[in-house]
Each structure stands twice: as C-alpha cells, then as structure tokens.
Amino acid sequence: NLNGIEVGKPAFVWFGHSSYFLKIK
C-alpha cells in the first residue's frame, strides 16, 4: 500500500523494468 508507507528512511518500491517509487520524508 503506497499510501501507507511510514515516513522514515528513504523508501523504494520497484514496479519492474525502470519504473519505481521513492518516498523521502
């Protein structure tokens, strides 16, 4: 659940190939 990632250290979620999501703070 990308809406539910708790803020902390930089977070990374990969969607395959070169697509990915980062959450920092």
PDB file of all heavy atoms in Angstrom:
ATOM      1  N   ASN A   1       0.858  -1.186   0.000  1.00  0.00           N
ATOM      2  CA  ASN A   1       0.000   0.000   0.000  1.00  0.00           C
ATOM      3  C   ASN A   1       0.895   1.237   0.000  1.00  0.00           C
ATOM      4  O   ASN A   1       1.481   1.594   1.025  1.00  0.00           O
ATOM      5  CB  ASN A   1      -0.916  -0.018   1.223  1.00  0.00           C
ATOM      6  CG  ASN A   1      -1.764   1.245   1.323  1.00  0.00           C
ATOM      7  OD1 ASN A   1      -1.789   2.079   0.414  1.00  0.00           O
ATOM      8  ND2 ASN A   1      -2.446   1.402   2.440  1.00  0.00           N
ATOM      9  N   LEU A   2       1.028   1.885  -1.134  1.00  0.00           N
ATOM     10  CA  LEU A   2       1.942   3.022  -1.260  1.00  0.00           C
ATOM     11  C   LEU A   2       1.469   4.226  -0.459  1.00  0.00           C
ATOM     12  O   LEU A   2       2.272   5.102  -0.119  1.00  0.00           O
ATOM     13  CB  LEU A   2       2.100   3.407  -2.743  1.00  0.00           C
ATOM     14  CG  LEU A   2       2.629   2.294  -3.660  1.00  0.00           C
ATOM     15  CD1 LEU A   2       2.654   2.769  -5.104  1.00  0.00           C
ATOM     16  CD2 LEU A   2       4.006   1.811  -3.240  1.00  0.00           C
ATOM     17  N   ASN A   3       0.187   4.273  -0.157  1.00  0.00           N
ATOM     18  CA  ASN A   3      -0.340   5.360   0.679  1.00  0.00           C
ATOM     19  C   ASN A   3       0.004   5.164   2.151  1.00  0.00           C
ATOM     20  O   ASN A   3      -0.066   6.106   2.941  1.00  0.00           O
ATOM     21  CB  ASN A   3      -1.873   5.453   0.540  1.00  0.00           C
ATOM     22  CG  ASN A   3      -2.283   6.018  -0.799  1.00  0.00           C
ATOM     23  OD1 ASN A   3      -2.134   7.202  -1.050  1.00  0.00           O
ATOM     24  ND2 ASN A   3      -2.789   5.156  -1.682  1.00  0.00           N
ATOM     25  N   GLY A   4       0.362   3.928   2.521  1.00  0.00           N
ATOM     26  CA  GLY A   4       0.544   3.616   3.932  1.00  0.00           C
ATOM     27  C   GLY A   4       2.000   3.502   4.365  1.00  0.00           C
ATOM     28  O   GLY A   4       2.266   3.015   5.464  1.00  0.00           O
ATOM     29  N   ILE A   5       2.946   3.914   3.496  1.00  0.00           N
ATOM     30  CA  ILE A   5       4.360   3.807   3.869  1.00  0.00           C
ATOM     31  C   ILE A   5       4.677   4.837   4.947  1.00  0.00           C
ATOM     32  O   ILE A   5       4.440   6.031   4.764  1.00  0.00           O
ATOM     33  CB  ILE A   5       5.272   4.023   2.632  1.00  0.00           C
ATOM     34  CG1 ILE A   5       5.048   2.898   1.615  1.00  0.00           C
ATOM     35  CG2 ILE A   5       6.746   4.088   3.044  1.00  0.00           C
ATOM     36  CD1 ILE A   5       5.771   3.106   0.296  1.00  0.00           C
ATOM     37  N   GLU A   6       5.200   4.358   6.058  1.00  0.00           N
ATOM     38  CA  GLU A   6       5.518   5.260   7.160  1.00  0.00           C
ATOM     39  C   GLU A   6       6.777   6.054   6.844  1.00  0.00           C
ATOM     40  O   GLU A   6       7.730   5.531   6.291  1.00  0.00           O
ATOM     41  CB  GLU A   6       5.698   4.453   8.452  1.00  0.00           C
ATOM     42  CG  GLU A   6       4.405   3.906   8.992  1.00  0.00           C
ATOM     43  CD  GLU A   6       4.576   3.258  10.356  1.00  0.00           C
ATOM     44  OE1 GLU A   6       5.575   3.547  11.036  1.00  0.00           O
ATOM     45  OE2 GLU A   6       3.694   2.461  10.719  1.00  0.00           O
ATOM     46  N   VAL A   7       6.744   7.319   7.207  1.00  0.00           N
ATOM     47  CA  VAL A   7       7.874   8.192   6.941  1.00  0.00           C
ATOM     48  C   VAL A   7       9.030   7.792   7.854  1.00  0.00           C
ATOM     49  O   VAL A   7       8.872   7.585   9.044  1.00  0.00           O
ATOM     50  CB  VAL A   7       7.486   9.671   7.187  1.00  0.00           C
ATOM     51  CG1 VAL A   7       8.694  10.570   7.020  1.00  0.00           C
ATOM     52  CG2 VAL A   7       6.374  10.079   6.238  1.00  0.00           C
ATOM     53  N   GLY A   8      10.190   7.678   7.257  1.00  0.00           N
ATOM     54  CA  GLY A   8      11.397   7.322   7.999  1.00  0.00           C
ATOM     55  C   GLY A   8      12.562   7.480   7.059  1.00  0.00           C
ATOM     56  O   GLY A   8      12.706   8.515   6.413  1.00  0.00           O
ATOM     57  N   LYS A   9      13.369   6.447   6.931  1.00  0.00           N
ATOM     58  CA  LYS A   9      14.455   6.483   5.954  1.00  0.00           C
ATOM     59  C   LYS A   9      13.859   6.410   4.545  1.00  0.00           C
ATOM     60  O   LYS A   9      12.740   5.940   4.356  1.00  0.00           O
ATOM     61  CB  LYS A   9      15.403   5.309   6.198  1.00  0.00           C
ATOM     62  CG  LYS A   9      16.196   5.442   7.499  1.00  0.00           C
ATOM     63  CD  LYS A   9      17.263   4.368   7.575  1.00  0.00           C
ATOM     64  CE  LYS A   9      18.247   4.691   8.683  1.00  0.00           C
ATOM     65  NZ  LYS A   9      17.825   4.226   9.989  1.00  0.00           N
ATOM     66  N   PRO A  10      14.604   6.893   3.513  1.00  0.00           N
ATOM     67  CA  PRO A  10      14.071   6.838   2.144  1.00  0.00           C
ATOM     68  C   PRO A  10      13.546   5.450   1.792  1.00  0.00           C
ATOM     69  O   PRO A  10      14.200   4.441   2.058  1.00  0.00           O
ATOM     70  CB  PRO A  10      15.293   7.208   1.298  1.00  0.00           C
ATOM     71  CG  PRO A  10      16.110   8.091   2.179  1.00  0.00           C
ATOM     72  CD  PRO A  10      15.928   7.532   3.558  1.00  0.00           C
ATOM     73  N   ALA A  11      12.345   5.421   1.221  1.00  0.00           N
ATOM     74  CA  ALA A  11      11.687   4.167   0.854  1.00  0.00           C
ATOM     75  C   ALA A  11      11.704   4.008  -0.664  1.00  0.00           C
ATOM     76  O   ALA A  11      11.569   4.983  -1.409  1.00  0.00           O
ATOM     77  CB  ALA A  11      10.254   4.161   1.368  1.00  0.00           C
ATOM     78  N   PHE A  12      11.842   2.746  -1.104  1.00  0.00           N
ATOM     79  CA  PHE A  12      11.914   2.416  -2.523  1.00  0.00           C
ATOM     80  C   PHE A  12      10.964   1.265  -2.805  1.00  0.00           C
ATOM     81  O   PHE A  12      10.963   0.267  -2.078  1.00  0.00           O
ATOM     82  CB  PHE A  12      13.352   2.007  -2.873  1.00  0.00           C
ATOM     83  CG  PHE A  12      13.527   1.364  -4.235  1.00  0.00           C
ATOM     84  CD1 PHE A  12      13.837   2.133  -5.349  1.00  0.00           C
ATOM     85  CD2 PHE A  12      13.396  -0.012  -4.393  1.00  0.00           C
ATOM     86  CE1 PHE A  12      14.007   1.537  -6.595  1.00  0.00           C
ATOM     87  CE2 PHE A  12      13.562  -0.608  -5.638  1.00  0.00           C
ATOM     88  CZ  PHE A  12      13.869   0.167  -6.745  1.00  0.00           C
ATOM     89  N   VAL A  13      10.148   1.412  -3.858  1.00  0.00           N
ATOM     90  CA  VAL A  13       9.309   0.310  -4.339  1.00  0.00           C
ATOM     91  C   VAL A  13       9.468   0.245  -5.859  1.00  0.00           C
ATOM     92  O   VAL A  13       9.266   1.239  -6.556  1.00  0.00           O
ATOM     93  CB  VAL A  13       7.820   0.497  -3.974  1.00  0.00           C
ATOM     94  CG1 VAL A  13       6.994  -0.666  -4.529  1.00  0.00           C
ATOM     95  CG2 VAL A  13       7.633   0.600  -2.467  1.00  0.00           C
ATOM     96  N   TRP A  14       9.830  -0.928  -6.341  1.00  0.00           N
ATOM     97  CA  TRP A  14      10.095  -1.149  -7.772  1.00  0.00           C
ATOM     98  C   TRP A  14       8.878  -1.787  -8.423  1.00  0.00           C
ATOM     99  O   TRP A  14       8.244  -2.681  -7.844  1.00  0.00           O
ATOM    100  CB  TRP A  14      11.308  -2.071  -7.876  1.00  0.00           C
ATOM    101  CG  TRP A  14      11.780  -2.450  -9.237  1.00  0.00           C
ATOM    102  CD1 TRP A  14      11.979  -1.652 -10.307  1.00  0.00           C
ATOM    103  CD2 TRP A  14      12.177  -3.770  -9.648  1.00  0.00           C
ATOM    104  NE1 TRP A  14      12.481  -2.380 -11.373  1.00  0.00           N
ATOM    105  CE2 TRP A  14      12.608  -3.678 -10.988  1.00  0.00           C
ATOM    106  CE3 TRP A  14      12.222  -5.009  -9.006  1.00  0.00           C
ATOM    107  CZ2 TRP A  14      13.070  -4.790 -11.706  1.00  0.00           C
ATOM    108  CZ3 TRP A  14      12.682  -6.115  -9.712  1.00  0.00           C
ATOM    109  CH2 TRP A  14      13.099  -6.004 -11.045  1.00  0.00           C
ATOM    110  N   PHE A  15       8.564  -1.343  -9.642  1.00  0.00           N
ATOM    111  CA  PHE A  15       7.425  -1.892 -10.369  1.00  0.00           C
ATOM    112  C   PHE A  15       7.855  -2.728 -11.573  1.00  0.00           C
ATOM    113  O   PHE A  15       7.072  -2.973 -12.493  1.00  0.00           O
ATOM    114  CB  PHE A  15       6.502  -0.758 -10.840  1.00  0.00           C
ATOM    115  CG  PHE A  15       6.087   0.162  -9.731  1.00  0.00           C
ATOM    116  CD1 PHE A  15       6.362   1.521  -9.791  1.00  0.00           C
ATOM    117  CD2 PHE A  15       5.447  -0.327  -8.602  1.00  0.00           C
ATOM    118  CE1 PHE A  15       5.999   2.379  -8.764  1.00  0.00           C
ATOM    119  CE2 PHE A  15       5.074   0.517  -7.564  1.00  0.00           C
ATOM    120  CZ  PHE A  15       5.347   1.873  -7.643  1.00  0.00           C
ATOM    121  N   GLY A  16       9.123  -3.164 -11.581  1.00  0.00           N
ATOM    122  CA  GLY A  16       9.658  -3.898 -12.724  1.00  0.00           C
ATOM    123  C   GLY A  16      10.232  -2.945 -13.761  1.00  0.00           C
ATOM    124  O   GLY A  16       9.870  -1.777 -13.850  1.00  0.00           O
ATOM    125  N   HIS A  17      11.188  -3.444 -14.542  1.00  0.00           N
ATOM    126  CA  HIS A  17      11.905  -2.652 -15.531  1.00  0.00           C
ATOM    127  C   HIS A  17      12.498  -1.407 -14.861  1.00  0.00           C
ATOM    128  O   HIS A  17      13.202  -1.545 -13.863  1.00  0.00           O
ATOM    129  CB  HIS A  17      11.009  -2.310 -16.725  1.00  0.00           C
ATOM    130  CG  HIS A  17      11.774  -1.986 -17.978  1.00  0.00           C
ATOM    131  ND1 HIS A  17      12.599  -2.902 -18.582  1.00  0.00           N
ATOM    132  CD2 HIS A  17      11.858  -0.857 -18.728  1.00  0.00           C
ATOM    133  CE1 HIS A  17      13.153  -2.342 -19.656  1.00  0.00           C
ATOM    134  NE2 HIS A  17      12.726  -1.104 -19.751  1.00  0.00           N
ATOM    135  N   SER A  18      12.230  -0.204 -15.345  1.00  0.00           N
ATOM    136  CA  SER A  18      12.841   1.001 -14.772  1.00  0.00           C
ATOM    137  C   SER A  18      11.843   1.910 -14.075  1.00  0.00           C
ATOM    138  O   SER A  18      12.109   3.093 -13.875  1.00  0.00           O
ATOM    139  CB  SER A  18      13.562   1.784 -15.876  1.00  0.00           C
ATOM    140  OG  SER A  18      14.719   1.102 -16.273  1.00  0.00           O
ATOM    141  N   SER A  19      10.696   1.369 -13.705  1.00  0.00           N
ATOM    142  CA  SER A  19       9.669   2.154 -13.015  1.00  0.00           C
ATOM    143  C   SER A  19       9.779   1.927 -11.520  1.00  0.00           C
ATOM    144  O   SER A  19       9.791   0.775 -11.067  1.00  0.00           O
ATOM    145  CB  SER A  19       8.270   1.731 -13.472  1.00  0.00           C
ATOM    146  OG  SER A  19       8.142   1.797 -14.875  1.00  0.00           O
ATOM    147  N   TYR A  20       9.848   3.015 -10.748  1.00  0.00           N
ATOM    148  CA  TYR A  20       9.907   2.861  -9.299  1.00  0.00           C
ATOM    149  C   TYR A  20       9.414   4.113  -8.590  1.00  0.00           C
ATOM    150  O   TYR A  20       9.315   5.188  -9.164  1.00  0.00           O
ATOM    151  CB  TYR A  20      11.312   2.480  -8.824  1.00  0.00           C
ATOM    152  CG  TYR A  20      12.454   3.327  -9.330  1.00  0.00           C
ATOM    153  CD1 TYR A  20      12.885   4.460  -8.640  1.00  0.00           C
ATOM    154  CD2 TYR A  20      13.136   2.978 -10.496  1.00  0.00           C
ATOM    155  CE1 TYR A  20      13.947   5.235  -9.103  1.00  0.00           C
ATOM    156  CE2 TYR A  20      14.204   3.734 -10.964  1.00  0.00           C
ATOM    157  CZ  TYR A  20      14.603   4.855 -10.260  1.00  0.00           C
ATOM    158  OH  TYR A  20      15.651   5.615 -10.721  1.00  0.00           O
ATOM    159  N   PHE A  21       9.100   3.897  -7.311  1.00  0.00           N
ATOM    160  CA  PHE A  21       8.531   4.922  -6.445  1.00  0.00           C
ATOM    161  C   PHE A  21       9.496   5.166  -5.282  1.00  0.00           C
ATOM    162  O   PHE A  21      10.055   4.226  -4.725  1.00  0.00           O
ATOM    163  CB  PHE A  21       7.181   4.412  -5.922  1.00  0.00           C
ATOM    164  CG  PHE A  21       6.531   5.249  -4.856  1.00  0.00           C
ATOM    165  CD1 PHE A  21       5.787   6.373  -5.187  1.00  0.00           C
ATOM    166  CD2 PHE A  21       6.636   4.891  -3.514  1.00  0.00           C
ATOM    167  CE1 PHE A  21       5.162   7.136  -4.199  1.00  0.00           C
ATOM    168  CE2 PHE A  21       6.016   5.640  -2.518  1.00  0.00           C
ATOM    169  CZ  PHE A  21       5.276   6.763  -2.872  1.00  0.00           C
ATOM    170  N   LEU A  22       9.705   6.428  -4.947  1.00  0.00           N
ATOM    171  CA  LEU A  22      10.534   6.807  -3.811  1.00  0.00           C
ATOM    172  C   LEU A  22       9.715   7.679  -2.871  1.00  0.00           C
ATOM    173  O   LEU A  22       8.942   8.525  -3.323  1.00  0.00           O
ATOM    174  CB  LEU A  22      11.762   7.601  -4.273  1.00  0.00           C
ATOM    175  CG  LEU A  22      12.767   6.883  -5.181  1.00  0.00           C
ATOM    176  CD1 LEU A  22      13.688   7.896  -5.849  1.00  0.00           C
ATOM    177  CD2 LEU A  22      13.579   5.860  -4.396  1.00  0.00           C
ATOM    178  N   LYS A  23       9.884   7.449  -1.580  1.00  0.00           N
ATOM    179  CA  LYS A  23       9.283   8.355  -0.600  1.00  0.00           C
ATOM    180  C   LYS A  23      10.366   8.747   0.394  1.00  0.00           C
ATOM    181  O   LYS A  23      10.990   7.886   1.028  1.00  0.00           O
ATOM    182  CB  LYS A  23       8.106   7.697   0.122  1.00  0.00           C
ATOM    183  CG  LYS A  23       7.371   8.675   1.045  1.00  0.00           C
ATOM    184  CD  LYS A  23       6.082   8.069   1.588  1.00  0.00           C
ATOM    185  CE  LYS A  23       5.320   9.081   2.427  1.00  0.00           C
ATOM    186  NZ  LYS A  23       4.073   8.526   2.974  1.00  0.00           N
ATOM    187  N   ILE A  24      10.623  10.038   0.481  1.00  0.00           N
ATOM    188  CA  ILE A  24      11.662  10.556   1.357  1.00  0.00           C
ATOM    189  C   ILE A  24      11.014  11.624   2.240  1.00  0.00           C
ATOM    190  O   ILE A  24      10.506  12.622   1.730  1.00  0.00           O
ATOM    191  CB  ILE A  24      12.837  11.127   0.547  1.00  0.00           C
ATOM    192  CG1 ILE A  24      13.306  10.090  -0.484  1.00  0.00           C
ATOM    193  CG2 ILE A  24      13.985  11.536   1.458  1.00  0.00           C
ATOM    194  CD1 ILE A  24      14.247  10.607  -1.534  1.00  0.00           C
ATOM    195  N   LYS A  25      11.000  11.370   3.557  1.00  0.00           N
ATOM    196  CA  LYS A  25      10.147  12.134   4.469  1.00  0.00           C
ATOM    197  C   LYS A  25       8.718  12.039   3.939  1.00  0.00           C
ATOM    198  O   LYS A  25       8.230  10.938   3.705  1.00  0.00           O
ATOM    199  CB  LYS A  25      10.644  13.569   4.625  1.00  0.00           C
ATOM    200  CG  LYS A  25      11.946  13.652   5.427  1.00  0.00           C
ATOM    201  CD  LYS A  25      12.233  15.048   5.909  1.00  0.00           C
ATOM    202  CE  LYS A  25      13.476  15.068   6.787  1.00  0.00           C
ATOM    203  NZ  LYS A  25      13.843  16.428   7.216  1.00  0.00           N
TER     204      LYS A  25
END
